[in-house]
Amino acid sequence: MEIIIDKFKPKVTRPFKRKNEYWVKLIDEKEGEFIMKFKTPLEAEDAIYGLLDLQVYGGKVKLKVREGNVIEDLEVLELYKPSAKELVDEYFTD
């Protein structure tokens, strides 16, 4: 099943071992939890660093998901990267 999520800004967990695999959860307040599975802890860590911009800024993504909300493929369609002026304005207004 393919899902397109417009404003996806997940919190990403540290990798944890389960059933001889390393799992990473992507938790979004609106969309719920998704799981990515890896064979080694190094692959899981690489995925976390690869998702860093998405965690910080958010974006529009296309997910291929199978049963149990397991992500088979994740494609970032658009990254919402604000300008420095927007970040400064946001910092001083909060």
PDB file of N, CA and C in Angstrom:
ATOM      1  N   MET A   1       0.845  -1.164   0.000  1.00  0.00           N
ATOM      2  CA  MET A   1       0.000   0.000   0.000  1.00  0.00           C
ATOM      3  C   MET A   1       0.898   1.237   0.000  1.00  0.00           C
ATOM      4  N   GLU A   2       0.555   2.223  -0.820  1.00  0.00           N
ATOM      5  CA  GLU A   2       1.299   3.483  -0.863  1.00  0.00           C
ATOM      6  C   GLU A   2       0.522   4.574  -0.160  1.00  0.00           C
ATOM      7  N   ILE A   3       1.245   5.327   0.661  1.00  0.00           N
ATOM      8  CA  ILE A   3       0.656   6.435   1.394  1.00  0.00           C
ATOM      9  C   ILE A   3       1.480   7.678   1.116  1.00  0.00           C
ATOM     10  N   ILE A   4       0.806   8.795   0.852  1.00  0.00           N
ATOM     11  CA  ILE A   4       1.503  10.072   0.723  1.00  0.00           C
ATOM     12  C   ILE A   4       1.105  10.917   1.925  1.00  0.00           C
ATOM     13  N   ILE A   5       2.105  11.336   2.686  1.00  0.00           N
ATOM     14  CA  ILE A   5       1.876  12.142   3.877  1.00  0.00           C
ATOM     15  C   ILE A   5       2.422  13.533   3.609  1.00  0.00           C
ATOM     16  N   ASP A   6       1.576  14.539   3.763  1.00  0.00           N
ATOM     17  CA  ASP A   6       1.941  15.906   3.400  1.00  0.00           C
ATOM     18  C   ASP A   6       2.874  16.561   4.409  1.00  0.00           C
ATOM     19  N   LYS A   7       2.543  16.529   5.675  1.00  0.00           N
ATOM     20  CA  LYS A   7       3.369  17.180   6.691  1.00  0.00           C
ATOM     21  C   LYS A   7       3.888  16.119   7.651  1.00  0.00           C
ATOM     22  N   PHE A   8       4.965  15.460   7.255  1.00  0.00           N
ATOM     23  CA  PHE A   8       5.537  14.353   8.024  1.00  0.00           C
ATOM     24  C   PHE A   8       6.798  14.841   8.723  1.00  0.00           C
ATOM     25  N   LYS A   9       6.747  14.891  10.032  1.00  0.00           N
ATOM     26  CA  LYS A   9       7.896  15.304  10.843  1.00  0.00           C
ATOM     27  C   LYS A   9       8.025  14.302  11.986  1.00  0.00           C
ATOM     28  N   PRO A  10       8.644  13.144  11.703  1.00  0.00           N
ATOM     29  CA  PRO A  10       8.659  12.065  12.692  1.00  0.00           C
ATOM     30  C   PRO A  10       9.727  12.245  13.770  1.00  0.00           C
ATOM     31  N   LYS A  11       9.441  11.662  14.913  1.00  0.00           N
ATOM     32  CA  LYS A  11      10.460  11.466  15.934  1.00  0.00           C
ATOM     33  C   LYS A  11      10.990  10.062  15.681  1.00  0.00           C
ATOM     34  N   VAL A  12      12.306   9.919  15.631  1.00  0.00           N
ATOM     35  CA  VAL A  12      12.912   8.639  15.291  1.00  0.00           C
ATOM     36  C   VAL A  12      13.575   8.048  16.530  1.00  0.00           C
ATOM     37  N   THR A  13      13.255   6.795  16.833  1.00  0.00           N
ATOM     38  CA  THR A  13      13.822   6.141  18.015  1.00  0.00           C
ATOM     39  C   THR A  13      15.208   5.589  17.701  1.00  0.00           C
ATOM     40  N   ARG A  14      15.926   5.292  18.761  1.00  0.00           N
ATOM     41  CA  ARG A  14      17.202   4.595  18.595  1.00  0.00           C
ATOM     42  C   ARG A  14      16.911   3.176  18.135  1.00  0.00           C
ATOM     43  N   PRO A  15      17.827   2.546  17.407  1.00  0.00           N
ATOM     44  CA  PRO A  15      17.586   1.171  16.970  1.00  0.00           C
ATOM     45  C   PRO A  15      17.519   0.220  18.167  1.00  0.00           C
ATOM     46  N   PHE A  16      16.596  -0.720  18.092  1.00  0.00           N
ATOM     47  CA  PHE A  16      16.517  -1.748  19.121  1.00  0.00           C
ATOM     48  C   PHE A  16      16.368  -3.101  18.449  1.00  0.00           C
ATOM     49  N   LYS A  17      16.910  -4.117  19.116  1.00  0.00           N
ATOM     50  CA  LYS A  17      16.934  -5.459  18.541  1.00  0.00           C
ATOM     51  C   LYS A  17      15.641  -6.186  18.859  1.00  0.00           C
ATOM     52  N   ARG A  18      15.091  -6.803  17.824  1.00  0.00           N
ATOM     53  CA  ARG A  18      13.875  -7.591  17.991  1.00  0.00           C
ATOM     54  C   ARG A  18      13.851  -8.663  16.905  1.00  0.00           C
ATOM     55  N   LYS A  19      13.725  -9.910  17.309  1.00  0.00           N
ATOM     56  CA  LYS A  19      13.645 -11.038  16.375  1.00  0.00           C
ATOM     57  C   LYS A  19      14.821 -11.068  15.391  1.00  0.00           C
ATOM     58  N   ASN A  20      16.043 -10.930  15.871  1.00  0.00           N
ATOM     59  CA  ASN A  20      17.261 -10.942  15.054  1.00  0.00           C
ATOM     60  C   ASN A  20      17.288  -9.844  13.999  1.00  0.00           C
ATOM     61  N   GLU A  21      16.534  -8.770  14.232  1.00  0.00           N
ATOM     62  CA  GLU A  21      16.534  -7.605  13.352  1.00  0.00           C
ATOM     63  C   GLU A  21      16.707  -6.372  14.229  1.00  0.00           C
ATOM     64  N   TYR A  22      17.057  -5.279  13.594  1.00  0.00           N
ATOM     65  CA  TYR A  22      17.152  -4.007  14.302  1.00  0.00           C
ATOM     66  C   TYR A  22      16.036  -3.108  13.796  1.00  0.00           C
ATOM     67  N   TRP A  23      15.206  -2.666  14.701  1.00  0.00           N
ATOM     68  CA  TRP A  23      14.036  -1.869  14.348  1.00  0.00           C
ATOM     69  C   TRP A  23      14.249  -0.419  14.729  1.00  0.00           C
ATOM     70  N   VAL A  24      13.729   0.457  13.900  1.00  0.00           N
ATOM     71  CA  VAL A  24      13.700   1.891  14.173  1.00  0.00           C
ATOM     72  C   VAL A  24      12.255   2.322  13.985  1.00  0.00           C
ATOM     73  N   LYS A  25      11.711   3.021  14.977  1.00  0.00           N
ATOM     74  CA  LYS A  25      10.333   3.510  14.860  1.00  0.00           C
ATOM     75  C   LYS A  25      10.336   4.970  14.455  1.00  0.00           C
ATOM     76  N   LEU A  26       9.458   5.327  13.526  1.00  0.00           N
ATOM     77  CA  LEU A  26       9.204   6.705  13.146  1.00  0.00           C
ATOM     78  C   LEU A  26       7.838   7.056  13.709  1.00  0.00           C
ATOM     79  N   ILE A  27       7.799   7.965  14.647  1.00  0.00           N
ATOM     80  CA  ILE A  27       6.555   8.298  15.345  1.00  0.00           C
ATOM     81  C   ILE A  27       6.124   9.705  14.948  1.00  0.00           C
ATOM     82  N   ASP A  28       4.950   9.796  14.341  1.00  0.00           N
ATOM     83  CA  ASP A  28       4.384  11.075  13.940  1.00  0.00           C
ATOM     84  C   ASP A  28       3.092  11.280  14.731  1.00  0.00           C
ATOM     85  N   GLU A  29       2.907  12.484  15.252  1.00  0.00           N
ATOM     86  CA  GLU A  29       1.734  12.760  16.090  1.00  0.00           C
ATOM     87  C   GLU A  29       0.421  12.534  15.349  1.00  0.00           C
ATOM     88  N   LYS A  30       0.378  12.876  14.064  1.00  0.00           N
ATOM     89  CA  LYS A  30      -0.868  12.773  13.300  1.00  0.00           C
ATOM     90  C   LYS A  30      -1.057  11.405  12.657  1.00  0.00           C
ATOM     91  N   GLU A  31       0.024  10.837  12.139  1.00  0.00           N
ATOM     92  CA  GLU A  31      -0.086   9.605  11.346  1.00  0.00           C
ATOM     93  C   GLU A  31       0.157   8.324  12.133  1.00  0.00           C
ATOM     94  N   GLY A  32       0.738   8.421  13.319  1.00  0.00           N
ATOM     95  CA  GLY A  32       0.984   7.229  14.123  1.00  0.00           C
ATOM     96  C   GLY A  32       2.412   6.725  13.988  1.00  0.00           C
ATOM     97  N   GLU A  33       2.606   5.426  14.258  1.00  0.00           N
ATOM     98  CA  GLU A  33       3.933   4.821  14.260  1.00  0.00           C
ATOM     99  C   GLU A  33       4.168   4.000  13.002  1.00  0.00           C
ATOM    100  N   PHE A  34       5.400   4.097  12.497  1.00  0.00           N
ATOM    101  CA  PHE A  34       5.847   3.268  11.389  1.00  0.00           C
ATOM    102  C   PHE A  34       7.148   2.607  11.817  1.00  0.00           C
ATOM    103  N   ILE A  35       7.451   1.439  11.266  1.00  0.00           N
ATOM    104  CA  ILE A  35       8.635   0.683  11.645  1.00  0.00           C
ATOM    105  C   ILE A  35       9.506   0.458  10.417  1.00  0.00           C
ATOM    106  N   MET A  36      10.815   0.649  10.600  1.00  0.00           N
ATOM    107  CA  MET A  36      11.786   0.286   9.573  1.00  0.00           C
ATOM    108  C   MET A  36      12.633  -0.841  10.167  1.00  0.00           C
ATOM    109  N   LYS A  37      12.876  -1.892   9.393  1.00  0.00           N
ATOM    110  CA  LYS A  37      13.633  -3.051   9.874  1.00  0.00           C
ATOM    111  C   LYS A  37      14.953  -3.155   9.108  1.00  0.00           C
ATOM    112  N   PHE A  38      16.023  -3.510   9.846  1.00  0.00           N
ATOM    113  CA  PHE A  38      17.357  -3.629   9.264  1.00  0.00           C
ATOM    114  C   PHE A  38      18.038  -4.887   9.783  1.00  0.00           C
ATOM    115  N   LYS A  39      19.018  -5.364   9.029  1.00  0.00           N
ATOM    116  CA  LYS A  39      19.733  -6.576   9.413  1.00  0.00           C
ATOM    117  C   LYS A  39      20.870  -6.295  10.396  1.00  0.00           C
ATOM    118  N   THR A  40      21.489  -5.109  10.315  1.00  0.00           N
ATOM    119  CA  THR A  40      22.608  -4.791  11.201  1.00  0.00           C
ATOM    120  C   THR A  40      22.360  -3.451  11.900  1.00  0.00           C
ATOM    121  N   PRO A  41      22.997  -3.245  13.047  1.00  0.00           N
ATOM    122  CA  PRO A  41      22.834  -1.964  13.741  1.00  0.00           C
ATOM    123  C   PRO A  41      23.431  -0.796  12.945  1.00  0.00           C
ATOM    124  N   LEU A  42      24.457  -1.063  12.154  1.00  0.00           N
ATOM    125  CA  LEU A  42      25.075  -0.008  11.344  1.00  0.00           C
ATOM    126  C   LEU A  42      24.109   0.516  10.279  1.00  0.00           C
ATOM    127  N   GLU A  43      23.360  -0.388   9.645  1.00  0.00           N
ATOM    128  CA  GLU A  43      22.351   0.035   8.664  1.00  0.00           C
ATOM    129  C   GLU A  43      21.284   0.898   9.321  1.00  0.00           C
ATOM    130  N   ALA A  44      20.875   0.530  10.526  1.00  0.00           N
ATOM    131  CA  ALA A  44      19.851   1.286  11.250  1.00  0.00           C
ATOM    132  C   ALA A  44      20.360   2.676  11.610  1.00  0.00           C
ATOM    133  N   GLU A  45      21.602   2.777  12.071  1.00  0.00           N
ATOM    134  CA  GLU A  45      22.185   4.078  12.406  1.00  0.00           C
ATOM    135  C   GLU A  45      22.292   4.958  11.163  1.00  0.00           C
ATOM    136  N   ASP A  46      22.692   4.373  10.042  1.00  0.00           N
ATOM    137  CA  ASP A  46      22.778   5.129   8.783  1.00  0.00           C
ATOM    138  C   ASP A  46      21.419   5.689   8.389  1.00  0.00           C
ATOM    139  N   ALA A  47      20.383   4.906   8.576  1.00  0.00           N
ATOM    140  CA  ALA A  47      19.028   5.365   8.240  1.00  0.00           C
ATOM    141  C   ALA A  47      18.622   6.538   9.118  1.00  0.00           C
ATOM    142  N   ILE A  48      18.974   6.479  10.392  1.00  0.00           N
ATOM    143  CA  ILE A  48      18.632   7.572  11.308  1.00  0.00           C
ATOM    144  C   ILE A  48      19.305   8.862  10.861  1.00  0.00           C
ATOM    145  N   TYR A  49      20.583   8.791  10.521  1.00  0.00           N
ATOM    146  CA  TYR A  49      21.286   9.993  10.057  1.00  0.00           C
ATOM    147  C   TYR A  49      20.749  10.470   8.714  1.00  0.00           C
ATOM    148  N   GLY A  50      20.311   9.543   7.878  1.00  0.00           N
ATOM    149  CA  GLY A  50      19.716   9.913   6.593  1.00  0.00           C
ATOM    150  C   GLY A  50      18.383  10.628   6.739  1.00  0.00           C
ATOM    151  N   LEU A  51      17.694  10.375   7.836  1.00  0.00           N
ATOM    152  CA  LEU A  51      16.387  10.990   8.090  1.00  0.00           C
ATOM    153  C   LEU A  51      16.491  12.264   8.925  1.00  0.00           C
ATOM    154  N   LEU A  52      17.695  12.736   9.191  1.00  0.00           N
ATOM    155  CA  LEU A  52      17.890  13.873  10.087  1.00  0.00           C
ATOM    156  C   LEU A  52      17.172  15.136   9.608  1.00  0.00           C
ATOM    157  N   ASP A  53      17.299  15.475   8.326  1.00  0.00           N
ATOM    158  CA  ASP A  53      16.617  16.667   7.803  1.00  0.00           C
ATOM    159  C   ASP A  53      15.102  16.538   7.929  1.00  0.00           C
ATOM    160  N   LEU A  54      14.590  15.352   7.686  1.00  0.00           N
ATOM    161  CA  LEU A  54      13.145  15.130   7.797  1.00  0.00           C
ATOM    162  C   LEU A  54      12.673  15.274   9.247  1.00  0.00           C
ATOM    163  N   GLN A  55      13.502  14.822  10.192  1.00  0.00           N
ATOM    164  CA  GLN A  55      13.157  14.952  11.609  1.00  0.00           C
ATOM    165  C   GLN A  55      13.117  16.409  12.046  1.00  0.00           C
ATOM    166  N   VAL A  56      14.054  17.210  11.542  1.00  0.00           N
ATOM    167  CA  VAL A  56      14.180  18.600  11.967  1.00  0.00           C
ATOM    168  C   VAL A  56      13.172  19.505  11.266  1.00  0.00           C
ATOM    169  N   TYR A  57      13.066  19.376   9.939  1.00  0.00           N
ATOM    170  CA  TYR A  57      12.254  20.311   9.162  1.00  0.00           C
ATOM    171  C   TYR A  57      10.882  19.779   8.774  1.00  0.00           C
ATOM    172  N   GLY A  58      10.768  18.481   8.583  1.00  0.00           N
ATOM    173  CA  GLY A  58       9.518  17.902   8.102  1.00  0.00           C
ATOM    174  C   GLY A  58       9.472  17.946   6.590  1.00  0.00           C
ATOM    175  N   GLY A  59       8.480  17.299   6.012  1.00  0.00           N
ATOM    176  CA  GLY A  59       8.373  17.293   4.566  1.00  0.00           C
ATOM    177  C   GLY A  59       7.210  16.449   4.080  1.00  0.00           C
ATOM    178  N   LYS A  60       7.154  16.323   2.763  1.00  0.00           N
ATOM    179  CA  LYS A  60       6.139  15.508   2.110  1.00  0.00           C
ATOM    180  C   LYS A  60       6.815  14.212   1.671  1.00  0.00           C
ATOM    181  N   VAL A  61       6.263  13.076   2.078  1.00  0.00           N
ATOM    182  CA  VAL A  61       6.881  11.788   1.784  1.00  0.00           C
ATOM    183  C   VAL A  61       5.875  10.819   1.155  1.00  0.00           C
ATOM    184  N   LYS A  62       6.441   9.870   0.425  1.00  0.00           N
ATOM    185  CA  LYS A  62       5.643   8.762  -0.100  1.00  0.00           C
ATOM    186  C   LYS A  62       6.188   7.489   0.531  1.00  0.00           C
ATOM    187  N   LEU A  63       5.320   6.764   1.219  1.00  0.00           N
ATOM    188  CA  LEU A  63       5.710   5.540   1.900  1.00  0.00           C
ATOM    189  C   LEU A  63       5.060   4.338   1.243  1.00  0.00           C
ATOM    190  N   LYS A  64       5.844   3.274   1.066  1.00  0.00           N
ATOM    191  CA  LYS A  64       5.292   1.973   0.709  1.00  0.00           C
ATOM    192  C   LYS A  64       5.266   1.183   1.996  1.00  0.00           C
ATOM    193  N   VAL A  65       4.066   0.848   2.445  1.00  0.00           N
ATOM    194  CA  VAL A  65       3.892   0.216   3.752  1.00  0.00           C
ATOM    195  C   VAL A  65       3.228  -1.134   3.566  1.00  0.00           C
ATOM    196  N   ARG A  66       3.714  -2.114   4.316  1.00  0.00           N
ATOM    197  CA  ARG A  66       3.027  -3.414   4.332  1.00  0.00           C
ATOM    198  C   ARG A  66       2.367  -3.599   5.690  1.00  0.00           C
ATOM    199  N   GLU A  67       1.788  -4.740   5.903  1.00  0.00           N
ATOM    200  CA  GLU A  67       1.032  -5.021   7.133  1.00  0.00           C
ATOM    201  C   GLU A  67       1.860  -4.733   8.379  1.00  0.00           C
ATOM    202  N   GLY A  68       1.242  -4.114   9.369  1.00  0.00           N
ATOM    203  CA  GLY A  68       1.915  -3.787  10.613  1.00  0.00           C
ATOM    204  C   GLY A  68       2.652  -2.464  10.558  1.00  0.00           C
ATOM    205  N   ASN A  69       2.334  -1.630   9.554  1.00  0.00           N
ATOM    206  CA  ASN A  69       2.984  -0.328   9.369  1.00  0.00           C
ATOM    207  C   ASN A  69       4.497  -0.443   9.215  1.00  0.00           C
ATOM    208  N   VAL A  70       4.951  -1.489   8.531  1.00  0.00           N
ATOM    209  CA  VAL A  70       6.370  -1.678   8.254  1.00  0.00           C
ATOM    210  C   VAL A  70       6.685  -0.996   6.929  1.00  0.00           C
ATOM    211  N   ILE A  71       7.646  -0.096   6.957  1.00  0.00           N
ATOM    212  CA  ILE A  71       8.015   0.662   5.759  1.00  0.00           C
ATOM    213  C   ILE A  71       8.932  -0.173   4.885  1.00  0.00           C
ATOM    214  N   GLU A  72       8.513  -0.382   3.628  1.00  0.00           N
ATOM    215  CA  GLU A  72       9.349  -1.063   2.650  1.00  0.00           C
ATOM    216  C   GLU A  72      10.173  -0.061   1.854  1.00  0.00           C
ATOM    217  N   ASP A  73       9.601   1.122   1.589  1.00  0.00           N
ATOM    218  CA  ASP A  73      10.294   2.149   0.824  1.00  0.00           C
ATOM    219  C   ASP A  73       9.815   3.511   1.292  1.00  0.00           C
ATOM    220  N   LEU A  74      10.745   4.446   1.435  1.00  0.00           N
ATOM    221  CA  LEU A  74      10.430   5.808   1.849  1.00  0.00           C
ATOM    222  C   LEU A  74      11.069   6.760   0.849  1.00  0.00           C
ATOM    223  N   GLU A  75      10.254   7.616   0.251  1.00  0.00           N
ATOM    224  CA  GLU A  75      10.751   8.592  -0.723  1.00  0.00           C
ATOM    225  C   GLU A  75      10.341   9.986  -0.248  1.00  0.00           C
ATOM    226  N   VAL A  76      11.336  10.859  -0.065  1.00  0.00           N
ATOM    227  CA  VAL A  76      11.061  12.236   0.332  1.00  0.00           C
ATOM    228  C   VAL A  76      10.753  13.025  -0.936  1.00  0.00           C
ATOM    229  N   LEU A  77       9.518  13.498  -1.054  1.00  0.00           N
ATOM    230  CA  LEU A  77       9.098  14.251  -2.233  1.00  0.00           C
ATOM    231  C   LEU A  77       9.471  15.725  -2.131  1.00  0.00           C
ATOM    232  N   GLU A  78       9.346  16.275  -0.927  1.00  0.00           N
ATOM    233  CA  GLU A  78       9.637  17.685  -0.712  1.00  0.00           C
ATOM    234  C   GLU A  78      10.073  17.870   0.736  1.00  0.00           C
ATOM    235  N   LEU A  79      11.123  18.655   0.942  1.00  0.00           N
ATOM    236  CA  LEU A  79      11.606  18.952   2.283  1.00  0.00           C
ATOM    237  C   LEU A  79      11.247  20.383   2.613  1.00  0.00           C
ATOM    238  N   TYR A  80      10.592  20.593   3.750  1.00  0.00           N
ATOM    239  CA  TYR A  80      10.181  21.939   4.152  1.00  0.00           C
ATOM    240  C   TYR A  80      11.307  22.583   4.943  1.00  0.00           C
ATOM    241  N   LYS A  81      12.244  23.189   4.238  1.00  0.00           N
ATOM    242  CA  LYS A  81      13.400  23.792   4.874  1.00  0.00           C
ATOM    243  C   LYS A  81      13.189  25.297   4.917  1.00  0.00           C
ATOM    244  N   PRO A  82      12.904  25.857   6.091  1.00  0.00           N
ATOM    245  CA  PRO A  82      12.646  27.296   6.176  1.00  0.00           C
ATOM    246  C   PRO A  82      13.925  28.106   5.978  1.00  0.00           C
ATOM    247  N   SER A  83      13.744  29.363   5.618  1.00  0.00           N
ATOM    248  CA  SER A  83      14.893  30.250   5.466  1.00  0.00           C
ATOM    249  C   SER A  83      15.411  30.636   6.849  1.00  0.00           C
ATOM    250  N   ALA A  84      16.614  31.189   6.897  1.00  0.00           N
ATOM    251  CA  ALA A  84      17.200  31.626   8.163  1.00  0.00           C
ATOM    252  C   ALA A  84      16.330  32.697   8.808  1.00  0.00           C
ATOM    253  N   LYS A  85      15.752  33.578   7.997  1.00  0.00           N
ATOM    254  CA  LYS A  85      14.892  34.642   8.530  1.00  0.00           C
ATOM    255  C   LYS A  85      13.668  34.044   9.230  1.00  0.00           C
ATOM    256  N   GLU A  86      13.052  33.027   8.616  1.00  0.00           N
ATOM    257  CA  GLU A  86      11.892  32.381   9.231  1.00  0.00           C
ATOM    258  C   GLU A  86      12.256  31.709  10.554  1.00  0.00           C
ATOM    259  N   LEU A  87      13.444  31.076  10.590  1.00  0.00           N
ATOM    260  CA  LEU A  87      13.879  30.423  11.831  1.00  0.00           C
ATOM    261  C   LEU A  87      14.121  31.443  12.939  1.00  0.00           C
ATOM    262  N   VAL A  88      14.747  32.574  12.596  1.00  0.00           N
ATOM    263  CA  VAL A  88      15.010  33.623  13.585  1.00  0.00           C
ATOM    264  C   VAL A  88      13.697  34.233  14.066  1.00  0.00           C
ATOM    265  N   ASP A  89      12.789  34.520  13.136  1.00  0.00           N
ATOM    266  CA  ASP A  89      11.485  35.076  13.523  1.00  0.00           C
ATOM    267  C   ASP A  89      10.726  34.123  14.438  1.00  0.00           C
ATOM    268  N   GLU A  90      10.760  32.834  14.130  1.00  0.00           N
ATOM    269  CA  GLU A  90      10.081  31.835  14.947  1.00  0.00           C
ATOM    270  C   GLU A  90      10.707  31.768  16.338  1.00  0.00           C
ATOM    271  N   TYR A  91      12.022  31.857  16.400  1.00  0.00           N
ATOM    272  CA  TYR A  91      12.720  31.776  17.683  1.00  0.00           C
ATOM    273  C   TYR A  91      12.342  32.951  18.595  1.00  0.00           C
ATOM    274  N   PHE A  92      12.256  34.152  18.032  1.00  0.00           N
ATOM    275  CA  PHE A  92      11.999  35.320  18.859  1.00  0.00           C
ATOM    276  C   PHE A  92      10.519  35.548  19.157  1.00  0.00           C
ATOM    277  N   THR A  93       9.622  34.878  18.420  1.00  0.00           N
ATOM    278  CA  THR A  93       8.189  35.054  18.696  1.00  0.00           C
ATOM    279  C   THR A  93       7.674  34.039  19.704  1.00  0.00           C
ATOM    280  N   ASP A  94       8.362  32.946  19.900  1.00  0.00           N
ATOM    281  CA  ASP A  94       7.898  31.920  20.856  1.00  0.00           C
ATOM    282  C   ASP A  94       8.265  32.234  22.273  1.00  0.00           C
TER     283      ASP A  94
END
